N, C-alpha and C. Protein backbone atom coordinates (compact mmCIF):
# COMPACT_ATOMS: atom_id res chain seq x y z
N MET A 1 23.42 10.04 -65.13
CA MET A 1 23.51 10.54 -63.63
C MET A 1 24.03 9.58 -62.59
N GLY A 2 24.86 9.93 -62.49
CA GLY A 2 26.15 9.18 -61.96
C GLY A 2 25.69 9.56 -59.60
N THR A 3 26.70 8.86 -59.17
CA THR A 3 26.22 8.87 -57.74
C THR A 3 26.60 10.26 -57.06
N GLY A 4 27.12 11.20 -57.44
CA GLY A 4 27.36 12.39 -57.45
C GLY A 4 26.32 13.49 -57.37
N GLY A 5 25.44 12.93 -58.37
CA GLY A 5 24.16 14.11 -59.12
C GLY A 5 23.17 13.24 -58.26
N MET A 6 22.98 12.44 -57.86
CA MET A 6 21.94 11.45 -56.72
C MET A 6 22.69 12.04 -55.43
N SER A 7 23.38 12.05 -55.01
CA SER A 7 24.34 13.13 -54.05
C SER A 7 23.81 14.41 -53.56
N GLN A 8 23.77 14.97 -54.66
CA GLN A 8 23.53 16.36 -54.53
C GLN A 8 22.09 16.40 -54.52
N GLU A 9 21.37 15.46 -55.22
CA GLU A 9 20.17 15.72 -55.03
C GLU A 9 19.09 15.29 -53.73
N LEU A 10 19.72 14.41 -53.40
CA LEU A 10 19.76 13.85 -51.71
C LEU A 10 19.98 14.98 -50.59
N ALA A 11 20.78 15.29 -51.02
CA ALA A 11 21.39 16.79 -50.24
C ALA A 11 20.28 18.01 -49.86
N GLN A 12 19.95 18.12 -51.04
CA GLN A 12 19.36 19.47 -51.43
C GLN A 12 17.59 19.08 -51.03
N LEU A 13 17.32 17.77 -50.98
CA LEU A 13 16.03 16.98 -50.62
C LEU A 13 16.31 17.23 -49.05
N ALA A 14 17.21 16.83 -48.06
CA ALA A 14 17.25 17.33 -46.86
C ALA A 14 17.49 18.35 -46.23
N ALA A 15 17.76 18.96 -47.19
CA ALA A 15 17.60 20.87 -46.76
C ALA A 15 16.63 21.11 -47.10
N GLN A 16 15.92 21.14 -47.79
CA GLN A 16 13.99 21.13 -48.15
C GLN A 16 13.85 21.06 -47.09
N GLN A 17 13.75 19.78 -46.45
CA GLN A 17 13.20 18.68 -45.64
C GLN A 17 13.33 19.81 -44.24
N ALA A 18 15.01 20.04 -43.91
CA ALA A 18 15.30 21.17 -42.80
C ALA A 18 14.45 22.03 -42.83
N ALA A 19 14.46 23.04 -43.93
CA ALA A 19 13.26 24.06 -44.09
C ALA A 19 12.24 24.14 -43.47
N LEU A 20 11.41 23.09 -44.34
CA LEU A 20 10.03 22.65 -43.90
C LEU A 20 10.12 22.63 -42.27
N ARG A 21 10.92 21.72 -41.80
CA ARG A 21 10.68 21.18 -40.37
C ARG A 21 10.89 22.92 -39.37
N GLN A 22 11.79 23.02 -40.21
CA GLN A 22 11.98 24.60 -39.08
C GLN A 22 10.27 25.62 -39.47
N GLU A 23 10.34 25.81 -40.62
CA GLU A 23 8.93 26.17 -40.16
C GLU A 23 7.85 26.10 -39.90
N LEU A 24 7.55 24.69 -39.64
CA LEU A 24 6.93 23.99 -38.98
C LEU A 24 6.68 24.32 -37.61
N GLN A 25 7.96 24.04 -36.88
CA GLN A 25 8.18 24.59 -35.54
C GLN A 25 7.96 25.82 -35.13
N LYS A 26 8.45 26.95 -35.84
CA LYS A 26 7.82 28.14 -35.49
C LYS A 26 6.67 28.67 -36.14
N MET A 27 5.73 27.55 -37.14
CA MET A 27 4.50 28.07 -36.66
C MET A 27 3.82 27.17 -35.50
N SER A 28 3.92 26.36 -35.22
CA SER A 28 3.78 25.59 -34.08
C SER A 28 3.84 26.23 -32.95
N ASP A 29 5.29 26.84 -32.79
CA ASP A 29 5.32 27.52 -31.75
C ASP A 29 4.33 28.89 -31.33
N GLN A 30 4.14 29.55 -32.73
CA GLN A 30 3.34 30.48 -32.51
C GLN A 30 1.77 29.93 -32.24
N ILE A 31 1.64 28.78 -32.83
CA ILE A 31 -0.05 28.58 -32.40
C ILE A 31 0.06 28.23 -31.19
N ASN A 32 1.04 27.87 -30.32
CA ASN A 32 1.00 27.44 -29.00
C ASN A 32 1.18 28.78 -28.35
N LYS A 33 1.76 29.97 -28.74
CA LYS A 33 1.57 31.18 -27.94
C LYS A 33 0.38 31.82 -27.98
N ASP A 34 -0.13 31.39 -28.98
CA ASP A 34 -1.50 31.85 -28.88
C ASP A 34 -2.68 31.37 -27.77
N GLY A 35 -2.42 30.04 -27.88
CA GLY A 35 -3.65 29.28 -26.49
C GLY A 35 -4.08 28.56 -27.74
N LYS A 36 -4.08 28.11 -28.38
CA LYS A 36 -4.94 27.33 -29.36
C LYS A 36 -4.33 25.77 -29.46
N GLY A 37 -3.15 25.75 -29.28
CA GLY A 37 -2.89 24.30 -29.05
C GLY A 37 -2.60 23.99 -30.59
N ALA A 38 -1.11 22.91 -30.49
CA ALA A 38 -0.71 22.66 -31.77
C ALA A 38 -1.03 21.52 -32.45
N GLY A 39 -1.81 20.58 -31.74
CA GLY A 39 -2.18 19.30 -32.06
C GLY A 39 -1.14 18.26 -31.75
N GLY A 40 -0.81 18.17 -33.40
CA GLY A 40 -0.08 16.69 -33.85
C GLY A 40 1.47 17.20 -34.31
N MET A 41 1.59 18.74 -34.52
CA MET A 41 2.38 18.88 -35.19
C MET A 41 4.19 19.13 -34.35
N SER A 42 4.10 18.37 -33.34
CA SER A 42 5.91 17.38 -33.11
C SER A 42 5.72 16.29 -34.12
N LYS A 43 4.43 15.55 -33.50
CA LYS A 43 4.94 14.39 -34.19
C LYS A 43 5.11 14.20 -36.09
N ILE A 44 4.70 15.73 -36.23
CA ILE A 44 5.23 15.41 -37.75
C ILE A 44 6.32 16.51 -37.80
N ALA A 45 6.86 17.17 -37.05
CA ALA A 45 8.13 17.33 -37.07
C ALA A 45 9.24 16.18 -36.64
N GLU A 46 8.88 15.43 -35.81
CA GLU A 46 9.82 14.00 -35.45
C GLU A 46 9.78 13.23 -36.73
N LYS A 47 9.26 13.13 -37.46
CA LYS A 47 8.73 12.04 -38.37
C LYS A 47 9.50 12.89 -39.79
N MET A 48 9.54 14.25 -39.98
CA MET A 48 10.29 15.08 -41.23
C MET A 48 11.91 15.25 -40.66
N GLU A 49 11.97 14.92 -39.24
CA GLU A 49 13.26 15.00 -39.03
C GLU A 49 13.96 13.48 -39.07
N GLU A 50 13.14 12.28 -38.78
CA GLU A 50 13.70 11.20 -39.10
C GLU A 50 14.01 11.07 -41.18
N THR A 51 12.93 11.47 -41.71
CA THR A 51 13.15 11.78 -43.40
C THR A 51 14.50 12.46 -43.35
N GLU A 52 14.51 13.16 -42.89
CA GLU A 52 16.27 14.16 -43.27
C GLU A 52 17.12 12.93 -43.13
N THR A 53 17.07 12.47 -41.78
CA THR A 53 18.24 11.09 -41.51
C THR A 53 18.40 10.54 -42.66
N ASP A 54 17.26 9.48 -43.09
CA ASP A 54 17.33 9.01 -43.97
C ASP A 54 18.26 9.81 -45.51
N LEU A 55 17.96 10.87 -45.78
CA LEU A 55 18.06 11.24 -46.87
C LEU A 55 19.78 11.23 -46.81
N VAL A 56 20.06 11.98 -45.58
CA VAL A 56 21.19 12.10 -45.34
C VAL A 56 21.94 11.33 -45.48
N ASN A 57 21.45 9.90 -44.79
CA ASN A 57 22.36 8.67 -44.69
C ASN A 57 22.37 7.67 -46.14
N LYS A 58 21.31 8.32 -47.14
CA LYS A 58 21.05 8.10 -48.68
C LYS A 58 20.53 6.61 -48.56
N MET A 59 19.59 6.36 -47.46
CA MET A 59 18.80 5.43 -46.79
C MET A 59 17.53 5.27 -47.13
N ILE A 60 17.30 5.49 -48.47
CA ILE A 60 15.67 5.73 -48.76
C ILE A 60 15.28 4.17 -49.21
N SER A 61 13.97 3.97 -48.31
CA SER A 61 13.18 2.78 -48.47
C SER A 61 11.73 2.97 -48.41
N GLN A 62 10.84 1.92 -48.71
CA GLN A 62 9.91 1.75 -48.29
C GLN A 62 9.11 2.54 -47.38
N GLU A 63 9.85 2.65 -46.76
CA GLU A 63 9.56 3.02 -44.94
C GLU A 63 9.61 4.66 -45.44
N THR A 64 10.79 5.17 -45.75
CA THR A 64 10.67 6.94 -45.80
C THR A 64 9.60 7.12 -46.55
N ILE A 65 9.58 6.49 -48.28
CA ILE A 65 7.87 6.71 -48.49
C ILE A 65 6.78 6.83 -47.95
N ASN A 66 6.08 5.85 -47.36
CA ASN A 66 5.34 5.82 -46.43
C ASN A 66 5.31 7.06 -44.94
N ARG A 67 6.26 7.52 -44.97
CA ARG A 67 6.46 8.44 -43.55
C ARG A 67 6.07 9.66 -44.57
N GLN A 68 6.61 10.13 -45.54
CA GLN A 68 6.40 11.07 -46.36
C GLN A 68 5.16 11.44 -46.58
N GLU A 69 4.46 10.10 -47.41
CA GLU A 69 2.72 10.10 -47.24
C GLU A 69 2.03 10.38 -45.87
N GLU A 70 2.34 9.69 -45.07
CA GLU A 70 2.14 10.26 -43.59
C GLU A 70 1.76 11.69 -43.38
N ILE A 71 3.12 12.07 -43.88
CA ILE A 71 3.49 13.60 -43.06
C ILE A 71 2.87 14.26 -43.89
N LEU A 72 2.51 14.00 -45.83
CA LEU A 72 1.71 14.76 -46.24
C LEU A 72 0.03 15.31 -46.01
N THR A 73 -0.33 13.73 -45.25
CA THR A 73 -1.72 13.41 -45.01
C THR A 73 -1.85 14.40 -43.36
N ARG A 74 -0.92 14.47 -42.63
CA ARG A 74 -1.09 15.13 -41.35
C ARG A 74 -1.03 16.64 -41.83
N LEU A 75 -0.27 16.93 -42.58
CA LEU A 75 -0.13 18.17 -42.77
C LEU A 75 -1.19 18.52 -43.40
N LEU A 76 -1.89 18.07 -44.38
CA LEU A 76 -3.36 18.24 -45.15
C LEU A 76 -4.51 18.91 -43.82
N GLU A 77 -4.07 17.72 -43.22
CA GLU A 77 -4.96 17.76 -41.80
C GLU A 77 -5.55 18.48 -41.08
N SER A 78 -4.20 19.08 -40.71
CA SER A 78 -3.97 20.08 -40.08
C SER A 78 -4.44 21.76 -40.73
N GLU A 79 -4.36 21.82 -41.93
CA GLU A 79 -4.59 23.10 -42.64
C GLU A 79 -6.20 23.21 -42.96
N LYS A 80 -6.57 21.78 -43.05
CA LYS A 80 -8.22 21.90 -42.69
C LYS A 80 -8.46 22.13 -41.94
N ALA A 81 -8.25 21.65 -40.50
CA ALA A 81 -8.45 22.16 -39.05
C ALA A 81 -8.48 23.52 -38.95
N GLU A 82 -7.05 24.24 -39.54
CA GLU A 82 -7.21 26.01 -39.33
C GLU A 82 -8.05 26.31 -40.11
N LYS A 83 -8.44 25.98 -41.66
CA LYS A 83 -9.12 26.77 -41.93
C LYS A 83 -10.58 26.67 -41.11
N GLU A 84 -10.91 25.37 -40.71
CA GLU A 84 -12.23 25.28 -39.83
C GLU A 84 -12.31 26.20 -38.60
N ARG A 85 -11.00 25.97 -37.64
CA ARG A 85 -10.71 26.88 -36.76
C ARG A 85 -11.12 28.69 -37.25
N GLU A 86 -10.77 29.02 -38.13
CA GLU A 86 -10.84 30.55 -38.81
C GLU A 86 -12.20 30.62 -39.23
N MET A 87 -13.31 29.61 -39.44
CA MET A 87 -14.36 29.86 -40.49
C MET A 87 -15.83 29.80 -39.00
N ASP A 88 -15.35 29.01 -37.81
CA ASP A 88 -15.86 29.25 -36.62
C ASP A 88 -15.30 30.20 -36.02
N GLU A 89 -14.30 31.37 -36.14
CA GLU A 89 -13.88 32.27 -35.31
C GLU A 89 -14.82 32.98 -35.94
N LYS A 90 -15.21 33.20 -37.36
CA LYS A 90 -15.57 34.55 -38.51
C LYS A 90 -17.70 34.21 -37.75
N ARG A 91 -17.83 32.91 -37.77
CA ARG A 91 -19.26 32.45 -37.57
C ARG A 91 -19.74 33.33 -35.96
N GLN A 92 -18.99 32.71 -35.13
CA GLN A 92 -18.98 33.29 -34.16
C GLN A 92 -18.86 34.68 -33.36
N SER A 93 -18.86 35.67 -34.38
CA SER A 93 -18.84 36.89 -34.09
C SER A 93 -19.57 37.89 -34.38
N ASN A 94 -21.15 37.71 -33.86
CA ASN A 94 -22.04 38.46 -34.97
C ASN A 94 -22.38 38.99 -33.49
N GLU A 95 -23.33 40.09 -33.87
CA GLU A 95 -23.12 41.50 -33.13
C GLU A 95 -24.66 40.83 -32.67
N ALA A 96 -24.71 41.44 -31.20
CA ALA A 96 -25.96 41.34 -30.57
C ALA A 96 -27.26 42.30 -30.96
N LYS A 97 -28.14 41.55 -31.05
CA LYS A 97 -29.54 42.59 -31.92
C LYS A 97 -30.15 42.63 -30.36
N ASN A 98 -30.84 43.88 -30.67
CA ASN A 98 -32.06 44.61 -29.42
C ASN A 98 -33.64 44.14 -30.08
N GLU A 99 -33.31 42.82 -29.23
CA GLU A 99 -34.83 42.20 -29.65
C GLU A 99 -35.38 42.00 -28.02
N ASN A 100 -36.71 42.37 -27.73
CA ASN A 100 -37.34 42.15 -26.48
C ASN A 100 -38.06 41.19 -26.45
N PHE A 101 -37.63 40.54 -25.89
CA PHE A 101 -38.75 38.96 -25.84
C PHE A 101 -39.39 38.62 -24.62
N SER A 102 -40.31 39.73 -24.07
CA SER A 102 -41.03 40.14 -23.03
C SER A 102 -42.32 39.28 -23.65
N ASN A 103 -43.06 38.79 -22.26
CA ASN A 103 -44.11 38.15 -22.26
C ASN A 103 -45.09 39.15 -22.75
N PRO A 104 -45.94 39.35 -23.10
CA PRO A 104 -46.81 40.33 -23.94
C PRO A 104 -48.23 40.36 -23.09
N ASN A 105 -48.56 39.15 -22.22
CA ASN A 105 -49.63 39.07 -21.36
C ASN A 105 -49.39 40.26 -20.24
N ASP A 106 -48.06 40.11 -19.84
CA ASP A 106 -47.66 41.35 -18.65
C ASP A 106 -47.81 42.14 -19.05
N PHE A 107 -47.72 42.64 -20.52
CA PHE A 107 -47.67 44.27 -20.79
C PHE A 107 -49.21 44.80 -20.82
N LEU A 108 -50.07 43.64 -21.37
CA LEU A 108 -51.52 44.35 -21.70
C LEU A 108 -52.37 44.16 -20.44
N GLU A 109 -51.61 43.66 -19.28
CA GLU A 109 -52.65 43.45 -17.76
C GLU A 109 -52.35 44.60 -17.68
N TYR A 110 -50.75 45.40 -17.95
CA TYR A 110 -50.39 46.62 -17.18
C TYR A 110 -51.52 47.31 -17.72
N ASN A 111 -51.79 47.36 -19.06
CA ASN A 111 -52.38 48.56 -19.87
C ASN A 111 -53.82 48.27 -19.72
N LEU A 112 -54.38 46.97 -18.75
CA LEU A 112 -55.53 47.36 -18.93
C LEU A 112 -55.79 47.75 -17.40
N LEU A 113 -54.71 47.75 -16.57
CA LEU A 113 -55.45 48.05 -15.17
C LEU A 113 -54.80 49.42 -15.01
N LYS A 114 -54.40 49.95 -16.07
CA LYS A 114 -53.42 51.70 -15.93
C LYS A 114 -54.90 52.17 -16.42
N GLN A 115 -55.61 51.56 -17.63
CA GLN A 115 -56.86 52.43 -17.86
C GLN A 115 -57.93 52.31 -17.11
N LYS A 116 -57.94 51.48 -16.59
CA LYS A 116 -59.01 51.21 -15.35
C LYS A 116 -58.83 52.54 -14.25
N GLU A 117 -57.65 52.42 -13.66
CA GLU A 117 -57.14 53.01 -12.77
C GLU A 117 -57.26 54.88 -13.27
N THR A 118 -57.25 54.92 -14.48
CA THR A 118 -57.50 56.25 -15.40
C THR A 118 -59.12 56.79 -15.43
N GLU A 119 -59.57 55.47 -15.71
CA GLU A 119 -61.44 55.88 -15.70
C GLU A 119 -61.72 56.05 -14.03
N LEU A 120 -61.15 55.14 -13.14
CA LEU A 120 -61.87 55.57 -12.17
C LEU A 120 -61.33 57.07 -11.52
N LEU A 121 -60.88 57.79 -12.09
CA LEU A 121 -59.50 59.03 -11.86
C LEU A 121 -60.94 60.03 -12.51
N LYS A 122 -61.63 59.81 -13.74
CA LYS A 122 -61.94 60.74 -14.33
C LYS A 122 -63.81 60.76 -14.01
N THR A 123 -63.70 59.38 -13.61
CA THR A 123 -65.32 59.11 -13.16
C THR A 123 -65.74 59.66 -11.78
N VAL A 124 -64.79 59.43 -10.54
CA VAL A 124 -64.98 60.10 -9.33
C VAL A 124 -63.68 60.84 -9.21
N PRO A 125 -64.25 62.60 -9.77
CA PRO A 125 -63.04 63.68 -9.35
C PRO A 125 -63.46 64.28 -7.86
N PRO A 126 -62.31 64.11 -7.35
CA PRO A 126 -61.62 64.24 -5.75
C PRO A 126 -62.25 65.88 -5.77
N SER A 127 -62.61 66.07 -4.62
CA SER A 127 -63.21 67.31 -4.67
C SER A 127 -62.20 68.45 -4.42
N LEU A 128 -61.57 69.13 -5.73
CA LEU A 128 -60.86 69.94 -5.75
C LEU A 128 -61.48 71.34 -5.87
N THR A 129 -60.51 72.72 -6.12
CA THR A 129 -60.87 73.86 -6.37
C THR A 129 -61.24 73.92 -8.11
N PRO A 130 -62.19 74.93 -8.47
CA PRO A 130 -61.98 74.69 -10.15
C PRO A 130 -60.65 74.62 -10.60
N PHE A 131 -59.30 75.40 -10.09
CA PHE A 131 -58.14 75.69 -10.70
C PHE A 131 -57.66 74.46 -10.99
N TYR A 132 -57.48 73.85 -9.94
CA TYR A 132 -57.11 72.12 -10.20
C TYR A 132 -57.84 71.18 -10.72
N LYS A 133 -59.40 71.31 -10.70
CA LYS A 133 -60.02 70.53 -11.69
C LYS A 133 -60.01 70.65 -13.03
N SER A 134 -59.58 72.25 -13.29
CA SER A 134 -59.39 72.37 -14.78
C SER A 134 -57.88 71.87 -14.96
N LYS A 135 -56.55 71.67 -14.25
CA LYS A 135 -55.92 71.07 -14.06
C LYS A 135 -55.69 69.56 -14.40
N VAL A 136 -56.13 69.07 -14.00
CA VAL A 136 -56.73 67.54 -13.87
C VAL A 136 -57.42 67.37 -15.35
N ASN A 137 -58.37 67.88 -15.77
CA ASN A 137 -59.07 67.77 -16.70
C ASN A 137 -57.99 67.62 -17.96
N GLN A 138 -56.87 69.12 -18.08
CA GLN A 138 -56.23 69.20 -19.13
C GLN A 138 -55.00 68.25 -19.11
N TYR A 139 -54.41 67.93 -18.38
CA TYR A 139 -53.64 66.46 -17.99
C TYR A 139 -54.33 65.47 -18.52
N PHE A 140 -55.61 65.03 -18.02
CA PHE A 140 -56.52 63.89 -18.58
C PHE A 140 -56.45 63.81 -20.42
N ASN A 141 -56.79 65.55 -20.71
CA ASN A 141 -56.85 65.74 -22.23
C ASN A 141 -55.75 65.11 -22.98
N ASN A 142 -54.43 65.97 -22.00
CA ASN A 142 -53.20 65.40 -22.62
C ASN A 142 -52.81 64.14 -23.14
N PHE A 143 -53.01 63.43 -21.67
CA PHE A 143 -52.56 62.02 -21.75
C PHE A 143 -53.31 61.29 -22.50
N GLY A 144 -54.65 61.26 -22.77
CA GLY A 144 -55.52 60.78 -23.77
C GLY A 144 -54.87 60.76 -25.14
N ASN A 145 -54.25 61.42 -25.46
CA ASN A 145 -53.52 61.70 -27.05
C ASN A 145 -52.35 61.02 -27.06
């Protein structure tokens, strides 16, 4: 494998790096458009561009390799953060439940007061004509059921 083969391989790697950087930039723009924030995507893109320059200039050093490892680490962290964001959205979309959290003492007090007033009306009937007395009795009989 001569220098021509190595040059061709480095050119392919640089082209792949450029394509990845462009896709990352598109993804970053989309995230920014949605209002979620892109985090460290711009730093990753800058490091990818530096790596492209090193590949094109055939200057691969330990620094280039370390930079690639850092890019990989940041991309993995970004992927993990995106998954967590999706999970959080899924967890937050619960429907509201119709639960009544009222104080039962108020309700019991109201029922007791209502019962006392009903008993008072039954025991002390106002002076009514027989027609209205039968209607009141009929009302209380229906009300009691």
